[in-house]
């Protein structure tokens, strides 16, 4: 009987598949996803948090530009430390960003802190039950669990279709996503 793959093995395999995509293909996929938009209407003033893409992640900026055009207020996360909730700071497309403690671009600490209504979540891999594998630090799981005690938040994973895996070995502290959007399909997990 063979052992099931670990989250680390699944993460590596999915990231390798993502990294193997040509930059032009990744850019086109980000634009295609943005053209399709969210699978529901948003209200003016809704707060949408995105992320600053690292490595070969799907770039959320085209989608965020579209949402801003529909009246959304935008925010980007700031990492305050391991085991702490992410902070979300107001951001407008074109704002200058500063290098955060983990080498990820984030808005200035002088920007207003916002609590998102919709979180666009980066990921390494996802399955058809809405489970995701991140990078192992647990920032988004912790943040979603913490902020959902204050208000409902819709969590939307953004990924390339190549990042879909058969099953994520989810743990009790892992928070499932409401949707995953890829360049090919929208997955709705709210009823699963």
Protein backbone atom coordinates (compact mmCIF):
# COMPACT_ATOMS: atom_id res chain seq x y z
CA UNK A 1 0.00 0.00 0.00
CA UNK A 2 1.55 3.31 -1.06
CA UNK A 3 1.45 6.38 1.14
CA UNK A 4 -0.69 9.31 0.09
CA UNK A 5 1.27 12.32 -1.13
CA UNK A 6 1.97 14.97 1.50
CA UNK A 7 0.84 18.59 1.22
CA UNK A 8 4.47 19.45 0.53
CA UNK A 9 4.67 16.98 -2.37
CA UNK A 10 1.33 18.18 -3.78
CA UNK A 11 2.43 21.82 -3.40
CA UNK A 12 5.69 21.16 -5.24
CA UNK A 13 3.96 19.31 -8.08
CA UNK A 14 1.34 22.04 -8.55
CA UNK A 15 3.93 24.82 -8.39
CA UNK A 16 6.11 22.99 -10.91
CA UNK A 17 3.10 22.81 -13.28
CA UNK A 18 2.44 26.54 -12.75
CA UNK A 19 6.12 27.45 -13.20
CA UNK A 20 6.26 25.45 -16.45
CA UNK A 21 3.68 27.78 -18.04
CA UNK A 22 5.17 30.44 -20.30
CA UNK A 23 4.89 34.01 -19.01
CA UNK A 24 2.74 35.02 -22.00
CA UNK A 25 0.33 32.15 -21.27
CA UNK A 26 0.07 33.21 -17.61
CA UNK A 27 -0.58 36.83 -18.63
CA UNK A 28 -3.26 35.79 -21.11
CA UNK A 29 -4.90 33.59 -18.45
CA UNK A 30 -5.02 36.52 -15.98
CA UNK A 31 -6.67 38.70 -18.63
CA UNK A 32 -9.16 35.96 -19.60
CA UNK A 33 -10.15 35.43 -15.96
CA UNK A 34 -10.58 39.21 -15.50
CA UNK A 35 -12.74 39.47 -18.63
CA UNK A 36 -15.08 36.84 -17.16
CA UNK A 37 -15.10 38.61 -13.78
CA UNK A 38 -16.70 37.43 -10.57
CA UNK A 39 -19.59 34.94 -10.71
CA UNK A 40 -21.89 37.38 -8.89
CA UNK A 41 -22.75 41.08 -8.90
CA UNK A 42 -20.94 43.38 -6.50
CA UNK A 43 -22.34 46.45 -4.77
CA UNK A 44 -20.60 49.81 -5.05
CA UNK A 45 -18.28 50.29 -2.07
CA UNK A 46 -17.69 46.57 -1.50
CA UNK A 47 -14.14 46.01 -0.23
CA UNK A 48 -12.11 43.54 -2.30
CA UNK A 49 -8.66 42.46 -1.20
CA UNK A 50 -6.27 41.09 -3.76
CA UNK A 51 -2.60 40.22 -3.41
CA UNK A 52 0.75 41.16 -4.88
CA UNK A 53 1.68 38.19 -7.06
CA UNK A 54 4.93 36.40 -6.34
CA UNK A 55 6.80 33.89 -8.46
CA UNK A 56 4.47 32.61 -11.18
CA UNK A 57 1.13 33.31 -9.42
CA UNK A 58 -1.91 34.36 -11.41
CA UNK A 59 -1.87 38.16 -11.44
CA UNK A 60 -5.07 39.53 -9.85
CA UNK A 61 -4.51 43.11 -11.02
CA UNK A 62 -6.57 42.85 -14.25
CA UNK A 63 -9.53 41.53 -12.24
CA UNK A 64 -9.00 44.15 -9.53
CA UNK A 65 -8.98 46.94 -12.14
CA UNK A 66 -12.30 45.62 -13.48
CA UNK A 67 -13.80 45.45 -9.97
CA UNK A 68 -12.62 48.99 -9.19
CA UNK A 69 -14.41 50.10 -12.36
CA UNK A 70 -17.56 48.51 -10.95
CA UNK A 71 -17.24 50.55 -7.74
CA UNK A 72 -15.22 48.24 -5.48
CA UNK A 73 -12.76 49.63 -2.95
CA UNK A 74 -9.47 47.75 -3.22
CA UNK A 75 -7.04 46.54 -0.57
CA UNK A 76 -3.84 44.50 -0.46
CA UNK A 77 -2.56 42.40 2.44
CA UNK A 78 0.33 43.24 4.72
CA UNK A 79 2.00 40.44 6.64
CA UNK A 80 2.37 41.32 10.33
CA UNK A 81 4.04 38.08 11.40
CA UNK A 82 3.60 34.34 11.60
CA UNK A 83 0.50 33.33 13.57
CA UNK A 84 -1.05 36.79 13.13
CA UNK A 85 -3.93 37.82 10.91
CA UNK A 86 -3.04 39.62 7.72
CA UNK A 87 -3.79 43.33 7.72
CA UNK A 88 -5.50 44.77 4.66
CA UNK A 89 -4.58 48.27 3.56
CA UNK A 90 -6.38 50.49 1.06
CA UNK A 91 -4.86 50.38 -2.42
CA UNK A 92 -5.59 52.05 -5.74
CA UNK A 93 -4.21 50.66 -9.00
CA UNK A 94 -0.96 52.50 -9.63
CA UNK A 95 -0.19 53.22 -5.95
CA UNK A 96 3.44 52.83 -5.02
CA UNK A 97 4.03 49.71 -2.90
CA UNK A 98 6.73 49.00 -0.33
CA UNK A 99 8.65 45.79 0.28
CA UNK A 100 7.15 43.85 3.19
CA UNK A 101 9.03 41.65 5.66
CA UNK A 102 8.78 38.54 3.46
CA UNK A 103 9.80 40.35 0.28
CA UNK A 104 6.21 40.81 -0.93
CA UNK A 105 5.03 44.22 -2.10
CA UNK A 106 2.37 45.80 0.12
CA UNK A 107 0.75 49.22 0.65
CA UNK A 108 2.37 51.71 2.98
CA UNK A 109 1.54 51.37 6.70
CA UNK A 110 0.12 54.91 6.39
CA UNK A 111 -2.76 53.62 4.23
CA UNK A 112 -6.14 53.00 5.89
CA UNK A 113 -6.80 49.48 7.19
CA UNK A 114 -9.89 47.83 5.74
CA UNK A 115 -11.71 44.56 6.43
CA UNK A 116 -12.52 42.95 3.09
CA UNK A 117 -15.93 41.67 2.06
CA UNK A 118 -14.31 39.60 -0.69
CA UNK A 119 -10.81 38.13 -0.47
CA UNK A 120 -8.99 37.08 -3.63
CA UNK A 121 -6.68 34.34 -2.37
CA UNK A 122 -3.47 33.07 -3.96
CA UNK A 123 -2.79 29.35 -3.79
CA UNK A 124 -0.45 26.59 -4.84
CA UNK A 125 -3.12 23.92 -5.47
CA UNK A 126 -6.87 23.36 -5.07
CA UNK A 127 -9.38 20.55 -5.31
CA UNK A 128 -13.06 20.38 -6.29
CA UNK A 129 -14.21 20.62 -2.66
CA UNK A 130 -12.78 24.11 -2.23
CA UNK A 131 -9.73 23.07 -0.25
CA UNK A 132 -6.47 24.83 -1.05
CA UNK A 133 -2.82 24.38 -0.42
CA UNK A 134 -0.99 27.62 0.20
CA UNK A 135 2.68 28.08 0.91
CA UNK A 136 2.59 26.52 4.36
CA UNK A 137 2.53 29.54 6.70
CA UNK A 138 -1.26 29.45 7.22
CA UNK A 139 -1.72 33.23 6.81
CA UNK A 140 -4.98 33.01 4.83
CA UNK A 141 -6.53 30.21 6.90
CA UNK A 142 -5.83 32.11 10.12
CA UNK A 143 -7.01 35.43 8.66
CA UNK A 144 -10.27 34.02 7.25
CA UNK A 145 -11.08 32.23 10.51
CA UNK A 146 -10.34 35.41 12.49
CA UNK A 147 -12.13 37.93 10.25
CA UNK A 148 -15.21 35.75 9.68
CA UNK A 149 -15.93 36.15 13.40
CA UNK A 150 -16.50 39.85 12.61
CA UNK A 151 -18.43 39.63 9.34
CA UNK A 152 -19.14 37.33 6.39
CA UNK A 153 -16.26 37.22 3.91
CA UNK A 154 -16.37 35.54 0.50
CA UNK A 155 -13.06 33.77 -0.18
CA UNK A 156 -12.19 33.34 -3.85
CA UNK A 157 -9.09 31.42 -4.87
CA UNK A 158 -7.39 32.53 -8.08
CA UNK A 159 -5.43 29.87 -9.93
CA UNK A 160 -4.50 28.43 -13.26
CA UNK A 161 -6.40 25.30 -14.32
CA UNK A 162 -3.07 23.43 -14.14
CA UNK A 163 -3.09 23.87 -10.34
CA UNK A 164 -6.14 21.66 -9.81
CA UNK A 165 -5.34 18.41 -8.01
CA UNK A 166 -7.51 15.41 -7.16
CA UNK A 167 -7.66 15.93 -3.40
CA UNK A 168 -6.13 18.25 -0.82
CA UNK A 169 -5.45 16.53 2.51
CA UNK A 170 -7.39 19.15 4.49
CA UNK A 171 -6.85 19.56 8.23
CA UNK A 172 -9.27 20.87 10.85
CA UNK A 173 -7.76 24.39 10.79
CA UNK A 174 -7.86 24.66 6.98
CA UNK A 175 -10.57 27.04 5.74
CA UNK A 176 -12.34 26.07 2.52
CA UNK A 177 -12.83 28.59 -0.26
CA UNK A 178 -16.23 29.72 -1.52
CA UNK A 179 -15.06 29.81 -5.15
CA UNK A 180 -12.00 29.15 -7.28
CA UNK A 181 -11.65 31.03 -10.55
CA UNK A 182 -9.32 29.77 -13.26
CA UNK A 183 -8.84 30.93 -16.84
CA UNK A 184 -11.07 28.03 -17.91
CA UNK A 185 -13.76 27.62 -15.26
CA UNK A 186 -15.51 28.98 -12.19
CA UNK A 187 -15.87 26.54 -9.29
CA UNK A 188 -18.63 27.30 -6.77
CA UNK A 189 -18.17 25.46 -3.46
CA UNK A 190 -20.81 27.19 -1.37
CA UNK A 191 -23.17 24.20 -1.40
CA UNK A 192 -20.53 21.46 -0.97
